[in-house]
Amino acid sequence: MNAHEAIIWFLLVAMLLPALLGSWLVAFALFRGSVERASARISRRPATCTLVGLVILVPIIALILNGQAQGGAALLAGIAAFLLMAAALVGSAGVALRVGAGLASPVDAEQPWRRIVRGGLALLFSCIIPGLGWFVIAPLVLAAGFGAIVLARWVSPRRSDVGGGVPDPTGSVAV
């Protein structure tokens, strides 16, 4: 890798990170209930959310990346990939919200979006780590987010799960 390639990769990463944080903020603003439900699922069962996300995403992504689709099938594969990534981004906004709730601040009651910023920055900085961040943390965050959004949207909560949510600094629960 020469200097030009290193600069290109650096600029790609430098542009991707604020874009991800921005997409999490947009998801929180537009789909707040879904993001908060995903965050509540992540809070209660992080391993289950991650496994559900991996079980669903890995085979679908493998089929999409197989490259056998042509014509209309390729278009459908592209649409499916876009929808999966959109769902994973909305769900991973829930992961960022959960991490941000763990980094509580007194202004969270008036400005709840700041939890997304704090949690998102923590997640994004952990994803910068070469190797581990790129190939382990980032895919697991997206898989956990996708699994959380799937479970929050299509699986009814158990009786013990009702009433859970993202804790705020005042001690109340936001759902």
C-alpha atoms as a PDB file:
ATOM      1  CA  MET A   1       0.000   0.000   0.000  1.00  0.00           C
ATOM      2  CA  ASN A   2       1.491   3.302  -1.039  1.00  0.00           C
ATOM      3  CA  ALA A   3       0.862   6.728   0.504  1.00  0.00           C
ATOM      4  CA  HIS A   4      -1.925   7.583  -1.922  1.00  0.00           C
ATOM      5  CA  GLU A   5      -3.884   4.453  -1.051  1.00  0.00           C
ATOM      6  CA  ALA A   6      -3.402   5.091   2.668  1.00  0.00           C
ATOM      7  CA  ILE A   7      -4.731   8.627   2.281  1.00  0.00           C
ATOM      8  CA  ILE A   8      -7.747   7.364   0.328  1.00  0.00           C
ATOM      9  CA  TRP A   9      -8.573   4.794   3.032  1.00  0.00           C
ATOM     10  CA  PHE A  10      -8.120   7.393   5.751  1.00  0.00           C
ATOM     11  CA  LEU A  11     -10.478   9.800   3.974  1.00  0.00           C
ATOM     12  CA  LEU A  12     -13.054   7.050   3.413  1.00  0.00           C
ATOM     13  CA  VAL A  13     -13.054   6.184   7.106  1.00  0.00           C
ATOM     14  CA  ALA A  14     -13.051   9.860   8.086  1.00  0.00           C
ATOM     15  CA  MET A  15     -16.176  10.418   5.960  1.00  0.00           C
ATOM     16  CA  LEU A  16     -17.914   7.194   6.952  1.00  0.00           C
ATOM     17  CA  LEU A  17     -17.836   7.787  10.707  1.00  0.00           C
ATOM     18  CA  PRO A  18     -19.725  11.118  10.734  1.00  0.00           C
ATOM     19  CA  ALA A  19     -22.150   9.657   8.176  1.00  0.00           C
ATOM     20  CA  LEU A  20     -22.946   6.750  10.500  1.00  0.00           C
ATOM     21  CA  LEU A  21     -23.430   9.077  13.458  1.00  0.00           C
ATOM     22  CA  GLY A  22     -25.681  11.262  11.326  1.00  0.00           C
ATOM     23  CA  SER A  23     -27.724   8.268  10.195  1.00  0.00           C
ATOM     24  CA  TRP A  24     -28.206   7.197  13.827  1.00  0.00           C
ATOM     25  CA  LEU A  25     -29.406  10.689  14.728  1.00  0.00           C
ATOM     26  CA  VAL A  26     -31.797  10.729  11.750  1.00  0.00           C
ATOM     27  CA  ALA A  27     -33.089   7.269  12.697  1.00  0.00           C
ATOM     28  CA  PHE A  28     -33.674   8.470  16.262  1.00  0.00           C
ATOM     29  CA  ALA A  29     -35.472  11.578  15.026  1.00  0.00           C
ATOM     30  CA  LEU A  30     -37.683   9.771  12.501  1.00  0.00           C
ATOM     31  CA  PHE A  31     -38.183   6.365  14.128  1.00  0.00           C
ATOM     32  CA  ARG A  32     -37.753   7.156  17.818  1.00  0.00           C
ATOM     33  CA  GLY A  33     -40.116   4.430  19.034  1.00  0.00           C
ATOM     34  CA  SER A  34     -38.385   1.736  16.986  1.00  0.00           C
ATOM     35  CA  VAL A  35     -34.944   2.885  18.103  1.00  0.00           C
ATOM     36  CA  GLU A  36     -36.011   2.933  21.750  1.00  0.00           C
ATOM     37  CA  ARG A  37     -37.619  -0.529  21.468  1.00  0.00           C
ATOM     38  CA  ALA A  38     -34.435  -1.852  19.839  1.00  0.00           C
ATOM     39  CA  SER A  39     -32.405  -0.284  22.641  1.00  0.00           C
ATOM     40  CA  ALA A  40     -34.641  -1.917  25.231  1.00  0.00           C
ATOM     41  CA  ARG A  41     -34.166  -5.314  23.518  1.00  0.00           C
ATOM     42  CA  ILE A  42     -30.392  -4.809  23.451  1.00  0.00           C
ATOM     43  CA  SER A  43     -30.464  -3.903  27.146  1.00  0.00           C
ATOM     44  CA  ARG A  44     -32.296  -7.083  28.110  1.00  0.00           C
ATOM     45  CA  ARG A  45     -30.866  -9.675  25.726  1.00  0.00           C
ATOM     46  CA  PRO A  46     -27.774  -8.513  23.827  1.00  0.00           C
ATOM     47  CA  ALA A  47     -26.561 -11.999  22.916  1.00  0.00           C
ATOM     48  CA  THR A  48     -29.983 -13.041  21.603  1.00  0.00           C
ATOM     49  CA  CYS A  49     -30.228  -9.899  19.476  1.00  0.00           C
ATOM     50  CA  THR A  50     -26.763 -10.489  18.055  1.00  0.00           C
ATOM     51  CA  LEU A  51     -27.441 -14.160  17.280  1.00  0.00           C
ATOM     52  CA  VAL A  52     -30.781 -13.391  15.621  1.00  0.00           C
ATOM     53  CA  GLY A  53     -29.093 -10.699  13.532  1.00  0.00           C
ATOM     54  CA  LEU A  54     -26.274 -13.017  12.495  1.00  0.00           C
ATOM     55  CA  VAL A  55     -28.592 -15.941  11.710  1.00  0.00           C
ATOM     56  CA  ILE A  56     -30.712 -13.749   9.433  1.00  0.00           C
ATOM     57  CA  LEU A  57     -28.050 -11.492   7.904  1.00  0.00           C
ATOM     58  CA  VAL A  58     -25.182 -13.882   7.160  1.00  0.00           C
ATOM     59  CA  PRO A  59     -27.060 -16.188   4.757  1.00  0.00           C
ATOM     60  CA  ILE A  60     -28.822 -13.297   3.034  1.00  0.00           C
ATOM     61  CA  ILE A  61     -25.606 -11.324   2.589  1.00  0.00           C
ATOM     62  CA  ALA A  62     -23.856 -14.472   1.328  1.00  0.00           C
ATOM     63  CA  LEU A  63     -26.569 -14.926  -1.296  1.00  0.00           C
ATOM     64  CA  ILE A  64     -26.399 -11.274  -2.320  1.00  0.00           C
ATOM     65  CA  LEU A  65     -22.611 -11.300  -2.557  1.00  0.00           C
ATOM     66  CA  ASN A  66     -22.629 -14.576  -4.465  1.00  0.00           C
ATOM     67  CA  GLY A  67     -23.046 -12.510  -7.603  1.00  0.00           C
ATOM     68  CA  GLN A  68     -25.125 -15.053  -9.481  1.00  0.00           C
ATOM     69  CA  ALA A  69     -28.072 -12.690  -9.868  1.00  0.00           C
ATOM     70  CA  GLN A  70     -28.476 -10.958 -13.215  1.00  0.00           C
ATOM     71  CA  GLY A  71     -31.031  -8.562 -14.650  1.00  0.00           C
ATOM     72  CA  GLY A  72     -34.133  -8.216 -12.488  1.00  0.00           C
ATOM     73  CA  ALA A  73     -32.768 -10.528  -9.819  1.00  0.00           C
ATOM     74  CA  ALA A  74     -29.736  -8.264  -9.419  1.00  0.00           C
ATOM     75  CA  LEU A  75     -32.053  -5.294  -8.921  1.00  0.00           C
ATOM     76  CA  LEU A  76     -34.032  -7.219  -6.303  1.00  0.00           C
ATOM     77  CA  ALA A  77     -30.789  -8.209  -4.572  1.00  0.00           C
ATOM     78  CA  GLY A  78     -29.731  -4.561  -4.486  1.00  0.00           C
ATOM     79  CA  ILE A  79     -33.076  -3.487  -3.036  1.00  0.00           C
ATOM     80  CA  ALA A  80     -32.883  -6.263  -0.442  1.00  0.00           C
ATOM     81  CA  ALA A  81     -29.361  -5.193   0.528  1.00  0.00           C
ATOM     82  CA  PHE A  82     -30.514  -1.576   0.892  1.00  0.00           C
ATOM     83  CA  LEU A  83     -33.497  -2.551   3.073  1.00  0.00           C
ATOM     84  CA  LEU A  84     -31.353  -4.818   5.255  1.00  0.00           C
ATOM     85  CA  MET A  85     -28.775  -2.078   5.781  1.00  0.00           C
ATOM     86  CA  ALA A  86     -31.495   0.477   6.551  1.00  0.00           C
ATOM     87  CA  ALA A  87     -32.984  -1.846   9.176  1.00  0.00           C
ATOM     88  CA  ALA A  88     -29.509  -2.569  10.572  1.00  0.00           C
ATOM     89  CA  LEU A  89     -28.781   1.166  10.831  1.00  0.00           C
ATOM     90  CA  VAL A  90     -32.052   1.872  12.648  1.00  0.00           C
ATOM     91  CA  GLY A  91     -31.368  -1.030  14.990  1.00  0.00           C
ATOM     92  CA  SER A  92     -27.761  -0.022  15.543  1.00  0.00           C
ATOM     93  CA  ALA A  93     -29.066   3.429  16.521  1.00  0.00           C
ATOM     94  CA  GLY A  94     -30.682   1.493  19.374  1.00  0.00           C
ATOM     95  CA  VAL A  95     -27.276   0.052  20.245  1.00  0.00           C
ATOM     96  CA  ALA A  96     -25.815   3.576  20.229  1.00  0.00           C
ATOM     97  CA  LEU A  97     -28.715   4.752  22.415  1.00  0.00           C
ATOM     98  CA  ARG A  98     -28.043   1.930  24.865  1.00  0.00           C
ATOM     99  CA  VAL A  99     -24.331   2.708  25.052  1.00  0.00           C
ATOM    100  CA  GLY A 100     -25.142   6.407  25.463  1.00  0.00           C
ATOM    101  CA  ALA A 101     -27.586   5.619  28.284  1.00  0.00           C
ATOM    102  CA  GLY A 102     -24.704   3.911  30.051  1.00  0.00           C
ATOM    103  CA  LEU A 103     -22.767   7.175  29.730  1.00  0.00           C
ATOM    104  CA  ALA A 104     -25.506   9.210  31.417  1.00  0.00           C
ATOM    105  CA  SER A 105     -25.441  12.987  31.668  1.00  0.00           C
ATOM    106  CA  PRO A 106     -27.679  15.421  33.554  1.00  0.00           C
ATOM    107  CA  VAL A 107     -28.866  17.006  30.267  1.00  0.00           C
ATOM    108  CA  ASP A 108     -30.345  13.722  28.978  1.00  0.00           C
ATOM    109  CA  ALA A 109     -33.816  14.597  30.254  1.00  0.00           C
ATOM    110  CA  GLU A 110     -33.971  17.793  28.170  1.00  0.00           C
ATOM    111  CA  GLN A 111     -31.939  16.573  25.192  1.00  0.00           C
ATOM    112  CA  PRO A 112     -32.308  12.794  24.780  1.00  0.00           C
ATOM    113  CA  TRP A 113     -30.575  12.834  21.382  1.00  0.00           C
ATOM    114  CA  ARG A 114     -27.284  13.448  23.178  1.00  0.00           C
ATOM    115  CA  ARG A 115     -27.320   9.801  24.294  1.00  0.00           C
ATOM    116  CA  ILE A 116     -27.119   8.809  20.620  1.00  0.00           C
ATOM    117  CA  VAL A 117     -24.177  11.170  20.093  1.00  0.00           C
ATOM    118  CA  ARG A 118     -22.249   9.890  23.131  1.00  0.00           C
ATOM    119  CA  GLY A 119     -23.007   6.244  22.459  1.00  0.00           C
ATOM    120  CA  GLY A 120     -22.415   6.640  18.729  1.00  0.00           C
ATOM    121  CA  LEU A 121     -19.036   8.269  19.244  1.00  0.00           C
ATOM    122  CA  ALA A 122     -18.009   5.518  21.659  1.00  0.00           C
ATOM    123  CA  LEU A 123     -19.086   2.833  19.171  1.00  0.00           C
ATOM    124  CA  LEU A 124     -17.451   4.566  16.230  1.00  0.00           C
ATOM    125  CA  PHE A 125     -14.162   5.048  18.045  1.00  0.00           C
ATOM    126  CA  SER A 126     -14.168   1.359  18.968  1.00  0.00           C
ATOM    127  CA  CYS A 127     -14.805   0.511  15.300  1.00  0.00           C
ATOM    128  CA  ILE A 128     -11.686   2.420  14.248  1.00  0.00           C
ATOM    129  CA  ILE A 129      -9.418  -0.189  15.858  1.00  0.00           C
ATOM    130  CA  PRO A 130      -7.680  -1.939  12.950  1.00  0.00           C
ATOM    131  CA  GLY A 131      -8.712  -5.562  12.546  1.00  0.00           C
ATOM    132  CA  LEU A 132     -10.803  -5.979  15.692  1.00  0.00           C
ATOM    133  CA  GLY A 133     -12.935  -2.899  15.105  1.00  0.00           C
ATOM    134  CA  TRP A 134     -13.348  -3.399  11.365  1.00  0.00           C
ATOM    135  CA  PHE A 135     -14.008  -7.122  11.258  1.00  0.00           C
ATOM    136  CA  VAL A 136     -15.488  -7.893  14.691  1.00  0.00           C
ATOM    137  CA  ILE A 137     -16.985  -4.879  16.476  1.00  0.00           C
ATOM    138  CA  ALA A 138     -18.610  -3.106  13.499  1.00  0.00           C
ATOM    139  CA  PRO A 139     -20.282  -6.244  12.063  1.00  0.00           C
ATOM    140  CA  LEU A 140     -21.460  -7.313  15.526  1.00  0.00           C
ATOM    141  CA  VAL A 141     -22.945  -3.854  16.201  1.00  0.00           C
ATOM    142  CA  LEU A 142     -24.850  -4.002  12.906  1.00  0.00           C
ATOM    143  CA  ALA A 143     -25.954  -7.611  13.529  1.00  0.00           C
ATOM    144  CA  ALA A 144     -27.060  -6.798  17.087  1.00  0.00           C
ATOM    145  CA  GLY A 145     -28.947  -3.768  15.823  1.00  0.00           C
ATOM    146  CA  PHE A 146     -30.630  -5.763  13.075  1.00  0.00           C
ATOM    147  CA  GLY A 147     -31.556  -8.532  15.506  1.00  0.00           C
ATOM    148  CA  ALA A 148     -32.883  -6.005  18.003  1.00  0.00           C
ATOM    149  CA  ILE A 149     -35.053  -4.271  15.419  1.00  0.00           C
ATOM    150  CA  VAL A 150     -36.380  -7.629  14.182  1.00  0.00           C
ATOM    151  CA  LEU A 151     -37.173  -8.789  17.716  1.00  0.00           C
ATOM    152  CA  ALA A 152     -38.644  -5.427  18.714  1.00  0.00           C
ATOM    153  CA  ARG A 153     -40.810  -5.219  15.611  1.00  0.00           C
ATOM    154  CA  TRP A 154     -41.986  -8.764  14.966  1.00  0.00           C
ATOM    155  CA  VAL A 155     -41.632 -10.694  18.207  1.00  0.00           C
ATOM    156  CA  SER A 156     -44.061  -9.784  20.963  1.00  0.00           C
ATOM    157  CA  PRO A 157     -42.387  -8.992  24.267  1.00  0.00           C
ATOM    158  CA  ARG A 158     -42.643 -11.438  27.100  1.00  0.00           C
ATOM    159  CA  ARG A 159     -44.613 -10.448  30.160  1.00  0.00           C
ATOM    160  CA  SER A 160     -41.350  -9.867  32.070  1.00  0.00           C
ATOM    161  CA  ASP A 161     -40.052  -7.635  29.263  1.00  0.00           C
ATOM    162  CA  VAL A 162     -42.966  -5.205  29.314  1.00  0.00           C
ATOM    163  CA  GLY A 163     -42.100  -1.910  30.927  1.00  0.00           C
ATOM    164  CA  GLY A 164     -38.383  -2.134  30.195  1.00  0.00           C
ATOM    165  CA  GLY A 165     -36.635   0.606  28.326  1.00  0.00           C
ATOM    166  CA  VAL A 166     -33.740   2.973  28.253  1.00  0.00           C
ATOM    167  CA  PRO A 167     -33.002   4.326  31.721  1.00  0.00           C
ATOM    168  CA  ASP A 168     -32.560   8.050  31.936  1.00  0.00           C
ATOM    169  CA  PRO A 169     -30.617   9.904  34.643  1.00  0.00           C
ATOM    170  CA  THR A 170     -33.797  10.838  36.551  1.00  0.00           C
ATOM    171  CA  GLY A 171     -34.544   7.178  37.191  1.00  0.00           C
ATOM    172  CA  SER A 172     -37.639   6.971  34.994  1.00  0.00           C
ATOM    173  CA  VAL A 173     -37.833   4.683  31.989  1.00  0.00           C
ATOM    174  CA  ALA A 174     -38.398   5.873  28.423  1.00  0.00           C
ATOM    175  CA  VAL A 175     -40.142   3.442  26.092  1.00  0.00           C
END
